[in-house]
Amino acid sequence: MGTKLVLIRHGITEWNKQRRYCGCRDIGLSEQGKTQVLRLRNKFKGFEFDKIYCSDRKRALETRAILFGKRDFVKMEGLREIDFGVLEGLRHDEILKKYSKLYKKWLADPYKGRIPEAEPMRLFKKRVQGAIKKILQANRGKTVAVVCHGGVIAIFVSSLLKSRNFWRYVPSAASVTIIEHRGKGVPLWEK
């Protein structure tokens, strides 16, 4: 039996609704986000998790609390969203005015484009892979909930599929992505 990772993106925030970049900033859920997570909680009834992991950002922690109440969990900085550097807190239209050329290049290929003060994609990928590897090693054959962020899920899934199309795999708020790891050794996506 493989290890089942149930990757859960946090509910929507006010910044998400305003289309502001919200990477490492510690923003909580909006009322709409809380409602989304409550609906998601109903879908998890009867579903058992052996362990719960969560990003250390407020929006993920609030999502986890709504979904799992007072159950024990492991907080991991490695599951934190990418640091968007100078883009943090800015809306798309503001970025296009201030950093147009840089931003367009980064959107076209986030591995080549570089945003000032931002976490480079290769380091973000390495950080997320390290966190997921620890989770897999500690939970062989178990079902694990991982409450995190859209970028974390996108970098993980795009890496698994050996795709550089990061943006294609960013999931919706309060959504679930299930991955089953059947191997015993190092996951293929790390090679």
N, C-alpha and C. Protein backbone atom coordinates (compact mmCIF):
# COMPACT_ATOMS: atom_id res chain seq x y z
N MET A 1 0.84 -1.19 0.00
CA MET A 1 0.00 0.00 0.00
C MET A 1 0.89 1.25 0.00
N GLY A 2 0.52 2.22 -0.78
CA GLY A 2 1.30 3.44 -0.88
C GLY A 2 0.93 4.46 0.18
N THR A 3 1.70 5.52 0.18
CA THR A 3 1.43 6.66 1.07
C THR A 3 0.55 7.62 0.29
N LYS A 4 -0.57 7.98 0.87
CA LYS A 4 -1.50 8.88 0.20
C LYS A 4 -1.36 10.28 0.80
N LEU A 5 -0.98 11.24 -0.06
CA LEU A 5 -0.89 12.64 0.35
C LEU A 5 -2.15 13.35 -0.13
N VAL A 6 -2.89 13.93 0.80
CA VAL A 6 -4.08 14.70 0.47
C VAL A 6 -3.68 16.16 0.65
N LEU A 7 -3.35 16.81 -0.47
CA LEU A 7 -2.88 18.19 -0.45
C LEU A 7 -4.08 19.12 -0.49
N ILE A 8 -4.22 19.96 0.52
CA ILE A 8 -5.38 20.83 0.66
C ILE A 8 -4.93 22.29 0.59
N ARG A 9 -5.44 23.01 -0.40
CA ARG A 9 -5.13 24.44 -0.47
C ARG A 9 -6.07 25.17 0.48
N HIS A 10 -5.53 26.15 1.17
CA HIS A 10 -6.32 26.97 2.09
C HIS A 10 -7.48 27.66 1.37
N GLY A 11 -8.46 28.12 2.15
CA GLY A 11 -9.57 28.89 1.59
C GLY A 11 -9.10 30.26 1.13
N ILE A 12 -9.97 30.95 0.43
CA ILE A 12 -9.63 32.24 -0.17
C ILE A 12 -9.45 33.33 0.90
N THR A 13 -8.55 34.26 0.62
CA THR A 13 -8.30 35.41 1.50
C THR A 13 -8.80 36.67 0.79
N GLU A 14 -8.87 37.78 1.53
CA GLU A 14 -9.22 39.05 0.90
C GLU A 14 -8.19 39.41 -0.17
N TRP A 15 -6.92 39.14 0.11
CA TRP A 15 -5.88 39.45 -0.88
C TRP A 15 -6.05 38.61 -2.13
N ASN A 16 -6.43 37.33 -1.98
CA ASN A 16 -6.69 36.50 -3.16
C ASN A 16 -7.82 37.12 -3.99
N LYS A 17 -8.87 37.55 -3.31
CA LYS A 17 -10.01 38.13 -4.01
C LYS A 17 -9.62 39.42 -4.73
N GLN A 18 -8.70 40.17 -4.16
CA GLN A 18 -8.24 41.42 -4.76
C GLN A 18 -7.13 41.19 -5.78
N ARG A 19 -6.77 39.94 -5.98
CA ARG A 19 -5.69 39.54 -6.90
C ARG A 19 -4.35 40.15 -6.50
N ARG A 20 -4.11 40.16 -5.18
CA ARG A 20 -2.83 40.62 -4.64
C ARG A 20 -1.93 39.40 -4.42
N TYR A 21 -0.65 39.57 -4.67
CA TYR A 21 0.29 38.49 -4.40
C TYR A 21 0.45 38.34 -2.90
N CYS A 22 0.19 37.14 -2.43
CA CYS A 22 0.19 36.85 -1.00
C CYS A 22 1.02 35.59 -0.79
N GLY A 23 2.31 35.73 -0.80
CA GLY A 23 3.19 34.58 -0.62
C GLY A 23 3.46 34.32 0.84
N CYS A 24 4.54 34.89 1.33
CA CYS A 24 4.93 34.63 2.72
C CYS A 24 4.23 35.56 3.72
N ARG A 25 3.49 36.54 3.23
CA ARG A 25 2.73 37.40 4.14
C ARG A 25 1.73 36.57 4.92
N ASP A 26 1.51 36.93 6.17
CA ASP A 26 0.65 36.13 7.04
C ASP A 26 -0.77 36.68 7.06
N ILE A 27 -1.53 36.33 6.05
CA ILE A 27 -2.90 36.82 5.86
C ILE A 27 -3.88 35.71 6.24
N GLY A 28 -4.95 36.08 6.95
CA GLY A 28 -5.96 35.11 7.36
C GLY A 28 -7.01 34.91 6.27
N LEU A 29 -7.88 33.96 6.52
CA LEU A 29 -8.99 33.66 5.60
C LEU A 29 -10.02 34.78 5.61
N SER A 30 -10.67 34.98 4.47
CA SER A 30 -11.82 35.88 4.41
C SER A 30 -13.04 35.10 4.89
N GLU A 31 -14.16 35.79 5.06
CA GLU A 31 -15.39 35.09 5.44
C GLU A 31 -15.77 34.07 4.37
N GLN A 32 -15.58 34.45 3.10
CA GLN A 32 -15.85 33.53 1.99
C GLN A 32 -14.94 32.31 2.09
N GLY A 33 -13.68 32.53 2.45
CA GLY A 33 -12.73 31.43 2.60
C GLY A 33 -13.15 30.47 3.70
N LYS A 34 -13.62 31.02 4.81
CA LYS A 34 -14.09 30.17 5.91
C LYS A 34 -15.29 29.32 5.48
N THR A 35 -16.19 29.93 4.71
CA THR A 35 -17.35 29.20 4.19
C THR A 35 -16.91 28.09 3.24
N GLN A 36 -15.93 28.38 2.37
CA GLN A 36 -15.41 27.36 1.45
C GLN A 36 -14.87 26.16 2.22
N VAL A 37 -14.12 26.44 3.28
CA VAL A 37 -13.49 25.37 4.06
C VAL A 37 -14.55 24.58 4.83
N LEU A 38 -15.59 25.24 5.32
CA LEU A 38 -16.68 24.52 5.98
C LEU A 38 -17.34 23.53 5.01
N ARG A 39 -17.54 23.96 3.76
CA ARG A 39 -18.12 23.06 2.75
C ARG A 39 -17.17 21.88 2.50
N LEU A 40 -15.89 22.17 2.44
CA LEU A 40 -14.90 21.11 2.23
C LEU A 40 -14.90 20.13 3.40
N ARG A 41 -15.04 20.64 4.62
CA ARG A 41 -15.07 19.78 5.80
C ARG A 41 -16.18 18.74 5.69
N ASN A 42 -17.31 19.12 5.18
CA ASN A 42 -18.43 18.18 5.02
C ASN A 42 -18.07 17.04 4.08
N LYS A 43 -17.23 17.32 3.09
CA LYS A 43 -16.83 16.27 2.15
C LYS A 43 -15.83 15.30 2.77
N PHE A 44 -15.18 15.69 3.85
CA PHE A 44 -14.20 14.83 4.52
C PHE A 44 -14.82 13.92 5.58
N LYS A 45 -16.12 14.03 5.80
CA LYS A 45 -16.76 13.19 6.82
C LYS A 45 -16.54 11.72 6.48
N GLY A 46 -16.06 10.98 7.45
CA GLY A 46 -15.80 9.56 7.27
C GLY A 46 -14.44 9.26 6.67
N PHE A 47 -13.69 10.28 6.32
CA PHE A 47 -12.35 10.12 5.75
C PHE A 47 -11.35 10.19 6.89
N GLU A 48 -10.49 9.19 7.03
CA GLU A 48 -9.54 9.14 8.15
C GLU A 48 -8.13 9.52 7.71
N PHE A 49 -7.50 10.36 8.50
CA PHE A 49 -6.11 10.75 8.25
C PHE A 49 -5.25 10.24 9.39
N ASP A 50 -4.11 9.65 9.05
CA ASP A 50 -3.18 9.17 10.07
C ASP A 50 -2.39 10.32 10.68
N LYS A 51 -2.13 11.35 9.89
CA LYS A 51 -1.34 12.48 10.36
C LYS A 51 -1.74 13.72 9.58
N ILE A 52 -1.56 14.88 10.21
CA ILE A 52 -1.89 16.16 9.57
C ILE A 52 -0.66 17.06 9.64
N TYR A 53 -0.31 17.64 8.49
CA TYR A 53 0.78 18.61 8.41
C TYR A 53 0.19 19.92 7.90
N CYS A 54 0.82 21.03 8.30
CA CYS A 54 0.27 22.33 7.92
C CYS A 54 1.38 23.37 7.78
N SER A 55 1.22 24.24 6.81
CA SER A 55 2.08 25.42 6.68
C SER A 55 1.93 26.26 7.95
N ASP A 56 2.92 27.10 8.20
CA ASP A 56 2.86 27.95 9.40
C ASP A 56 2.18 29.30 9.15
N ARG A 57 1.60 29.50 7.98
CA ARG A 57 0.91 30.75 7.67
C ARG A 57 -0.53 30.70 8.18
N LYS A 58 -1.03 31.84 8.63
CA LYS A 58 -2.34 31.96 9.26
C LYS A 58 -3.47 31.37 8.42
N ARG A 59 -3.48 31.63 7.12
CA ARG A 59 -4.57 31.13 6.26
C ARG A 59 -4.60 29.61 6.21
N ALA A 60 -3.44 28.98 6.25
CA ALA A 60 -3.37 27.52 6.27
C ALA A 60 -3.77 26.99 7.65
N LEU A 61 -3.29 27.65 8.70
CA LEU A 61 -3.61 27.23 10.06
C LEU A 61 -5.12 27.35 10.33
N GLU A 62 -5.74 28.42 9.84
CA GLU A 62 -7.19 28.58 10.01
C GLU A 62 -7.95 27.50 9.23
N THR A 63 -7.48 27.19 8.04
CA THR A 63 -8.09 26.13 7.23
C THR A 63 -8.00 24.80 7.98
N ARG A 64 -6.82 24.49 8.50
CA ARG A 64 -6.62 23.25 9.25
C ARG A 64 -7.55 23.18 10.46
N ALA A 65 -7.67 24.29 11.19
CA ALA A 65 -8.51 24.30 12.39
C ALA A 65 -9.99 24.04 12.05
N ILE A 66 -10.46 24.63 10.95
CA ILE A 66 -11.85 24.40 10.54
C ILE A 66 -12.05 22.95 10.11
N LEU A 67 -11.08 22.42 9.38
CA LEU A 67 -11.20 21.04 8.88
C LEU A 67 -11.04 19.99 9.97
N PHE A 68 -10.08 20.19 10.86
CA PHE A 68 -9.69 19.11 11.77
C PHE A 68 -9.81 19.45 13.25
N GLY A 69 -10.31 20.62 13.58
CA GLY A 69 -10.51 20.98 14.97
C GLY A 69 -9.24 20.95 15.79
N LYS A 70 -9.30 20.28 16.93
CA LYS A 70 -8.17 20.26 17.87
C LYS A 70 -7.23 19.07 17.68
N ARG A 71 -7.39 18.35 16.58
CA ARG A 71 -6.49 17.22 16.32
C ARG A 71 -5.05 17.68 16.27
N ASP A 72 -4.16 16.83 16.74
CA ASP A 72 -2.73 17.13 16.67
C ASP A 72 -2.29 17.29 15.23
N PHE A 73 -1.31 18.14 15.03
CA PHE A 73 -0.76 18.34 13.69
C PHE A 73 0.68 18.80 13.81
N VAL A 74 1.38 18.74 12.69
CA VAL A 74 2.78 19.18 12.63
C VAL A 74 2.83 20.44 11.77
N LYS A 75 3.34 21.52 12.34
CA LYS A 75 3.50 22.77 11.60
C LYS A 75 4.86 22.76 10.92
N MET A 76 4.89 23.05 9.60
CA MET A 76 6.14 23.01 8.85
C MET A 76 6.35 24.28 8.04
N GLU A 77 7.46 24.96 8.29
CA GLU A 77 7.83 26.13 7.50
C GLU A 77 8.09 25.76 6.05
N GLY A 78 8.54 24.54 5.81
CA GLY A 78 8.83 24.09 4.45
C GLY A 78 7.62 24.06 3.55
N LEU A 79 6.42 24.10 4.14
CA LEU A 79 5.18 24.10 3.36
C LEU A 79 4.66 25.51 3.12
N ARG A 80 5.43 26.52 3.52
CA ARG A 80 5.05 27.92 3.34
C ARG A 80 5.04 28.28 1.84
N GLU A 81 4.18 29.20 1.47
CA GLU A 81 4.12 29.67 0.08
C GLU A 81 5.43 30.35 -0.30
N ILE A 82 5.67 30.45 -1.61
CA ILE A 82 6.86 31.13 -2.11
C ILE A 82 6.85 32.60 -1.68
N ASP A 83 8.03 33.14 -1.44
CA ASP A 83 8.17 34.56 -1.13
C ASP A 83 8.23 35.30 -2.46
N PHE A 84 7.25 36.16 -2.71
CA PHE A 84 7.17 36.88 -3.97
C PHE A 84 8.00 38.17 -3.99
N GLY A 85 8.77 38.42 -2.95
CA GLY A 85 9.66 39.57 -2.94
C GLY A 85 8.92 40.89 -3.10
N VAL A 86 9.37 41.72 -4.05
CA VAL A 86 8.78 43.05 -4.23
C VAL A 86 7.33 42.99 -4.74
N LEU A 87 6.87 41.83 -5.17
CA LEU A 87 5.49 41.69 -5.64
C LEU A 87 4.50 41.48 -4.50
N GLU A 88 4.99 41.12 -3.32
CA GLU A 88 4.11 40.84 -2.17
C GLU A 88 3.17 42.03 -1.91
N GLY A 89 1.88 41.74 -1.86
CA GLY A 89 0.89 42.76 -1.55
C GLY A 89 0.41 43.57 -2.74
N LEU A 90 1.07 43.43 -3.88
CA LEU A 90 0.67 44.20 -5.06
C LEU A 90 -0.34 43.43 -5.91
N ARG A 91 -1.24 44.19 -6.56
CA ARG A 91 -2.19 43.59 -7.50
C ARG A 91 -1.52 43.49 -8.87
N HIS A 92 -2.09 42.65 -9.73
CA HIS A 92 -1.54 42.45 -11.07
C HIS A 92 -1.38 43.77 -11.82
N ASP A 93 -2.42 44.63 -11.77
CA ASP A 93 -2.35 45.91 -12.49
C ASP A 93 -1.24 46.80 -11.95
N GLU A 94 -1.02 46.78 -10.63
CA GLU A 94 0.06 47.57 -10.03
C GLU A 94 1.42 47.05 -10.47
N ILE A 95 1.53 45.75 -10.54
CA ILE A 95 2.80 45.13 -10.95
C ILE A 95 3.10 45.47 -12.41
N LEU A 96 2.08 45.42 -13.25
CA LEU A 96 2.28 45.74 -14.67
C LEU A 96 2.76 47.18 -14.86
N LYS A 97 2.32 48.08 -14.01
CA LYS A 97 2.77 49.48 -14.08
C LYS A 97 4.20 49.63 -13.57
N LYS A 98 4.51 48.93 -12.50
CA LYS A 98 5.80 49.11 -11.81
C LYS A 98 6.93 48.23 -12.35
N TYR A 99 6.59 46.98 -12.70
CA TYR A 99 7.61 45.99 -13.07
C TYR A 99 7.23 45.23 -14.35
N SER A 100 6.65 45.90 -15.30
CA SER A 100 6.05 45.27 -16.47
C SER A 100 6.95 44.24 -17.16
N LYS A 101 8.12 44.64 -17.60
CA LYS A 101 9.00 43.75 -18.37
C LYS A 101 9.42 42.54 -17.52
N LEU A 102 9.85 42.81 -16.33
CA LEU A 102 10.30 41.78 -15.40
C LEU A 102 9.17 40.78 -15.10
N TYR A 103 7.99 41.31 -14.84
CA TYR A 103 6.83 40.51 -14.48
C TYR A 103 6.41 39.60 -15.63
N LYS A 104 6.35 40.14 -16.83
CA LYS A 104 5.95 39.35 -18.00
C LYS A 104 6.94 38.22 -18.26
N LYS A 105 8.22 38.50 -18.08
CA LYS A 105 9.24 37.47 -18.27
C LYS A 105 9.08 36.36 -17.22
N TRP A 106 8.81 36.76 -16.00
CA TRP A 106 8.62 35.80 -14.90
C TRP A 106 7.37 34.96 -15.12
N LEU A 107 6.28 35.58 -15.58
CA LEU A 107 5.05 34.83 -15.85
C LEU A 107 5.26 33.82 -16.98
N ALA A 108 6.03 34.21 -17.99
CA ALA A 108 6.30 33.31 -19.12
C ALA A 108 7.12 32.10 -18.70
N ASP A 109 8.08 32.30 -17.80
CA ASP A 109 8.90 31.20 -17.29
C ASP A 109 9.44 31.57 -15.91
N PRO A 110 8.73 31.15 -14.85
CA PRO A 110 9.15 31.53 -13.50
C PRO A 110 10.51 30.95 -13.09
N TYR A 111 11.02 29.99 -13.85
CA TYR A 111 12.34 29.45 -13.55
C TYR A 111 13.45 30.34 -14.10
N LYS A 112 13.15 31.07 -15.16
CA LYS A 112 14.16 31.96 -15.76
C LYS A 112 13.99 33.40 -15.28
N GLY A 113 12.74 33.85 -15.22
CA GLY A 113 12.47 35.21 -14.76
C GLY A 113 12.83 35.36 -13.29
N ARG A 114 13.34 36.50 -12.93
CA ARG A 114 13.76 36.72 -11.53
C ARG A 114 13.10 37.98 -10.99
N ILE A 115 12.42 37.86 -9.87
CA ILE A 115 11.79 38.99 -9.20
C ILE A 115 12.70 39.43 -8.05
N PRO A 116 13.00 40.73 -7.96
CA PRO A 116 13.86 41.22 -6.86
C PRO A 116 13.32 40.80 -5.49
N GLU A 117 14.22 40.34 -4.64
CA GLU A 117 13.94 39.94 -3.25
C GLU A 117 13.07 38.70 -3.13
N ALA A 118 12.70 38.09 -4.26
CA ALA A 118 11.84 36.90 -4.23
C ALA A 118 12.67 35.63 -4.07
N GLU A 119 12.03 34.60 -3.57
CA GLU A 119 12.65 33.28 -3.48
C GLU A 119 12.73 32.70 -4.89
N PRO A 120 13.91 32.34 -5.37
CA PRO A 120 14.01 31.75 -6.71
C PRO A 120 13.23 30.43 -6.78
N MET A 121 12.65 30.15 -7.93
CA MET A 121 11.84 28.94 -8.10
C MET A 121 12.62 27.67 -7.76
N ARG A 122 13.88 27.59 -8.16
CA ARG A 122 14.64 26.37 -7.89
C ARG A 122 14.81 26.16 -6.38
N LEU A 123 14.94 27.24 -5.61
CA LEU A 123 15.06 27.11 -4.15
C LEU A 123 13.71 26.79 -3.52
N PHE A 124 12.65 27.38 -4.05
CA PHE A 124 11.29 27.07 -3.60
C PHE A 124 11.01 25.59 -3.83
N LYS A 125 11.33 25.11 -5.03
CA LYS A 125 11.13 23.70 -5.37
C LYS A 125 11.91 22.79 -4.42
N LYS A 126 13.15 23.14 -4.16
CA LYS A 126 13.99 22.35 -3.26
C LYS A 126 13.42 22.33 -1.84
N ARG A 127 12.93 23.48 -1.37
CA ARG A 127 12.35 23.57 -0.02
C ARG A 127 11.11 22.69 0.09
N VAL A 128 10.21 22.79 -0.90
CA VAL A 128 8.97 22.00 -0.88
C VAL A 128 9.30 20.51 -1.00
N GLN A 129 10.22 20.15 -1.88
CA GLN A 129 10.60 18.74 -2.01
C GLN A 129 11.16 18.21 -0.70
N GLY A 130 11.95 19.00 -0.01
CA GLY A 130 12.49 18.58 1.29
C GLY A 130 11.39 18.31 2.30
N ALA A 131 10.39 19.20 2.35
CA ALA A 131 9.27 19.02 3.29
C ALA A 131 8.46 17.78 2.94
N ILE A 132 8.15 17.60 1.66
CA ILE A 132 7.36 16.44 1.23
C ILE A 132 8.14 15.14 1.48
N LYS A 133 9.43 15.17 1.23
CA LYS A 133 10.26 13.99 1.47
C LYS A 133 10.20 13.58 2.94
N LYS A 134 10.29 14.55 3.86
CA LYS A 134 10.20 14.25 5.30
C LYS A 134 8.85 13.64 5.64
N ILE A 135 7.79 14.20 5.05
CA ILE A 135 6.44 13.68 5.30
C ILE A 135 6.33 12.24 4.81
N LEU A 136 6.81 11.98 3.59
CA LEU A 136 6.75 10.62 3.03
C LEU A 136 7.55 9.63 3.87
N GLN A 137 8.76 10.02 4.28
CA GLN A 137 9.62 9.12 5.06
C GLN A 137 9.00 8.78 6.41
N ALA A 138 8.28 9.72 7.00
CA ALA A 138 7.70 9.51 8.33
C ALA A 138 6.34 8.80 8.30
N ASN A 139 5.78 8.63 7.09
CA ASN A 139 4.40 8.14 7.01
C ASN A 139 4.19 7.09 5.93
N ARG A 140 5.12 6.17 5.78
CA ARG A 140 4.98 5.13 4.76
C ARG A 140 3.71 4.32 4.96
N GLY A 141 2.94 4.20 3.88
CA GLY A 141 1.72 3.40 3.92
C GLY A 141 0.56 4.06 4.63
N LYS A 142 0.66 5.34 4.92
CA LYS A 142 -0.40 6.04 5.65
C LYS A 142 -1.10 7.06 4.75
N THR A 143 -2.19 7.60 5.27
CA THR A 143 -2.92 8.67 4.59
C THR A 143 -2.68 9.96 5.38
N VAL A 144 -2.16 10.96 4.68
CA VAL A 144 -1.69 12.18 5.34
C VAL A 144 -2.36 13.41 4.72
N ALA A 145 -2.88 14.29 5.57
CA ALA A 145 -3.41 15.58 5.11
C ALA A 145 -2.27 16.60 5.17
N VAL A 146 -2.15 17.38 4.11
CA VAL A 146 -1.13 18.44 4.04
C VAL A 146 -1.85 19.73 3.67
N VAL A 147 -2.02 20.61 4.64
CA VAL A 147 -2.71 21.88 4.40
C VAL A 147 -1.66 22.94 4.06
N CYS A 148 -1.77 23.48 2.85
CA CYS A 148 -0.72 24.39 2.39
C CYS A 148 -1.27 25.41 1.41
N HIS A 149 -0.50 25.72 0.38
CA HIS A 149 -0.78 26.84 -0.52
C HIS A 149 -0.77 26.39 -1.98
N GLY A 150 -1.36 27.22 -2.83
CA GLY A 150 -1.44 26.92 -4.25
C GLY A 150 -0.09 26.71 -4.90
N GLY A 151 0.87 27.57 -4.57
CA GLY A 151 2.20 27.45 -5.15
C GLY A 151 2.92 26.18 -4.71
N VAL A 152 2.72 25.79 -3.46
CA VAL A 152 3.34 24.57 -2.93
C VAL A 152 2.81 23.36 -3.70
N ILE A 153 1.51 23.32 -3.89
CA ILE A 153 0.91 22.20 -4.62
C ILE A 153 1.36 22.23 -6.08
N ALA A 154 1.38 23.41 -6.68
CA ALA A 154 1.77 23.53 -8.10
C ALA A 154 3.22 23.12 -8.32
N ILE A 155 4.12 23.51 -7.44
CA ILE A 155 5.53 23.16 -7.64
C ILE A 155 5.72 21.65 -7.45
N PHE A 156 4.99 21.06 -6.52
CA PHE A 156 5.07 19.63 -6.28
C PHE A 156 4.52 18.84 -7.48
N VAL A 157 3.31 19.18 -7.92
CA VAL A 157 2.68 18.46 -9.03
C VAL A 157 3.46 18.66 -10.32
N SER A 158 3.87 19.89 -10.62
CA SER A 158 4.62 20.12 -11.86
C SER A 158 5.96 19.39 -11.83
N SER A 159 6.56 19.26 -10.66
CA SER A 159 7.81 18.50 -10.53
C SER A 159 7.58 17.02 -10.76
N LEU A 160 6.51 16.50 -10.19
CA LEU A 160 6.16 15.09 -10.40
C LEU A 160 5.99 14.78 -11.88
N LEU A 161 5.36 15.70 -12.59
CA LEU A 161 5.07 15.50 -14.00
C LEU A 161 6.21 15.97 -14.90
N LYS A 162 7.29 16.41 -14.26
CA LYS A 162 8.47 16.92 -15.00
C LYS A 162 8.09 18.02 -15.98
N SER A 163 7.24 18.91 -15.50
CA SER A 163 6.75 20.03 -16.31
C SER A 163 7.28 21.34 -15.74
N ARG A 164 7.63 22.25 -16.60
CA ARG A 164 8.03 23.59 -16.16
C ARG A 164 6.83 24.54 -16.18
N ASN A 165 5.67 24.02 -16.54
CA ASN A 165 4.46 24.84 -16.60
C ASN A 165 3.82 24.92 -15.22
N PHE A 166 4.48 25.58 -14.32
CA PHE A 166 4.06 25.75 -12.93
C PHE A 166 2.63 26.28 -12.82
N TRP A 167 2.30 27.31 -13.59
CA TRP A 167 1.00 27.99 -13.46
C TRP A 167 -0.17 27.06 -13.74
N ARG A 168 0.03 26.08 -14.59
CA ARG A 168 -1.06 25.16 -14.96
C ARG A 168 -1.57 24.36 -13.76
N TYR A 169 -0.73 24.17 -12.76
CA TYR A 169 -1.05 23.27 -11.66
C TYR A 169 -1.43 23.99 -10.35
N VAL A 170 -1.61 25.30 -10.42
CA VAL A 170 -2.04 26.04 -9.22
C VAL A 170 -3.53 25.74 -9.02
N PRO A 171 -3.89 25.09 -7.90
CA PRO A 171 -5.29 24.71 -7.69
C PRO A 171 -6.14 25.87 -7.15
N SER A 172 -7.43 25.70 -7.21
CA SER A 172 -8.37 26.68 -6.65
C SER A 172 -8.30 26.67 -5.13
N ALA A 173 -8.78 27.76 -4.54
CA ALA A 173 -8.85 27.85 -3.08
C ALA A 173 -9.76 26.75 -2.54
N ALA A 174 -9.39 26.23 -1.37
CA ALA A 174 -10.17 25.19 -0.68
C ALA A 174 -10.42 23.97 -1.57
N SER A 175 -9.38 23.57 -2.29
CA SER A 175 -9.48 22.38 -3.14
C SER A 175 -8.54 21.29 -2.63
N VAL A 176 -8.71 20.10 -3.19
CA VAL A 176 -7.95 18.94 -2.75
C VAL A 176 -7.26 18.30 -3.96
N THR A 177 -5.99 17.97 -3.78
CA THR A 177 -5.20 17.24 -4.77
C THR A 177 -4.66 16.00 -4.08
N ILE A 178 -4.94 14.82 -4.62
CA ILE A 178 -4.50 13.58 -3.97
C ILE A 178 -3.39 12.94 -4.79
N ILE A 179 -2.29 12.64 -4.11
CA ILE A 179 -1.13 11.99 -4.73
C ILE A 179 -0.83 10.73 -3.94
N GLU A 180 -0.61 9.62 -4.64
CA GLU A 180 -0.22 8.39 -3.96
C GLU A 180 1.20 8.04 -4.34
N HIS A 181 2.05 7.88 -3.34
CA HIS A 181 3.45 7.50 -3.55
C HIS A 181 3.57 6.02 -3.21
N ARG A 182 3.94 5.21 -4.20
CA ARG A 182 4.00 3.76 -4.00
C ARG A 182 5.42 3.25 -3.83
N GLY A 183 6.40 4.11 -4.05
CA GLY A 183 7.79 3.67 -3.97
C GLY A 183 8.29 3.58 -2.55
N LYS A 184 9.45 2.95 -2.42
CA LYS A 184 10.10 2.83 -1.12
C LYS A 184 11.24 3.82 -0.98
N GLY A 185 11.83 4.18 -2.09
CA GLY A 185 13.01 5.05 -2.04
C GLY A 185 12.66 6.51 -2.25
N VAL A 186 13.61 7.20 -2.84
CA VAL A 186 13.45 8.62 -3.10
C VAL A 186 12.43 8.81 -4.22
N PRO A 187 11.47 9.71 -4.03
CA PRO A 187 10.48 9.94 -5.08
C PRO A 187 11.16 10.33 -6.39
N LEU A 188 10.59 9.89 -7.50
CA LEU A 188 11.16 10.17 -8.82
C LEU A 188 11.29 11.66 -9.11
N TRP A 189 10.44 12.48 -8.54
CA TRP A 189 10.45 13.91 -8.85
C TRP A 189 11.68 14.61 -8.30
N GLU A 190 12.49 13.97 -7.48
CA GLU A 190 13.66 14.62 -6.94
C GLU A 190 14.88 14.44 -7.83
N LYS A 191 14.83 13.53 -8.76
CA LYS A 191 16.00 13.24 -9.56
C LYS A 191 16.18 14.23 -10.69
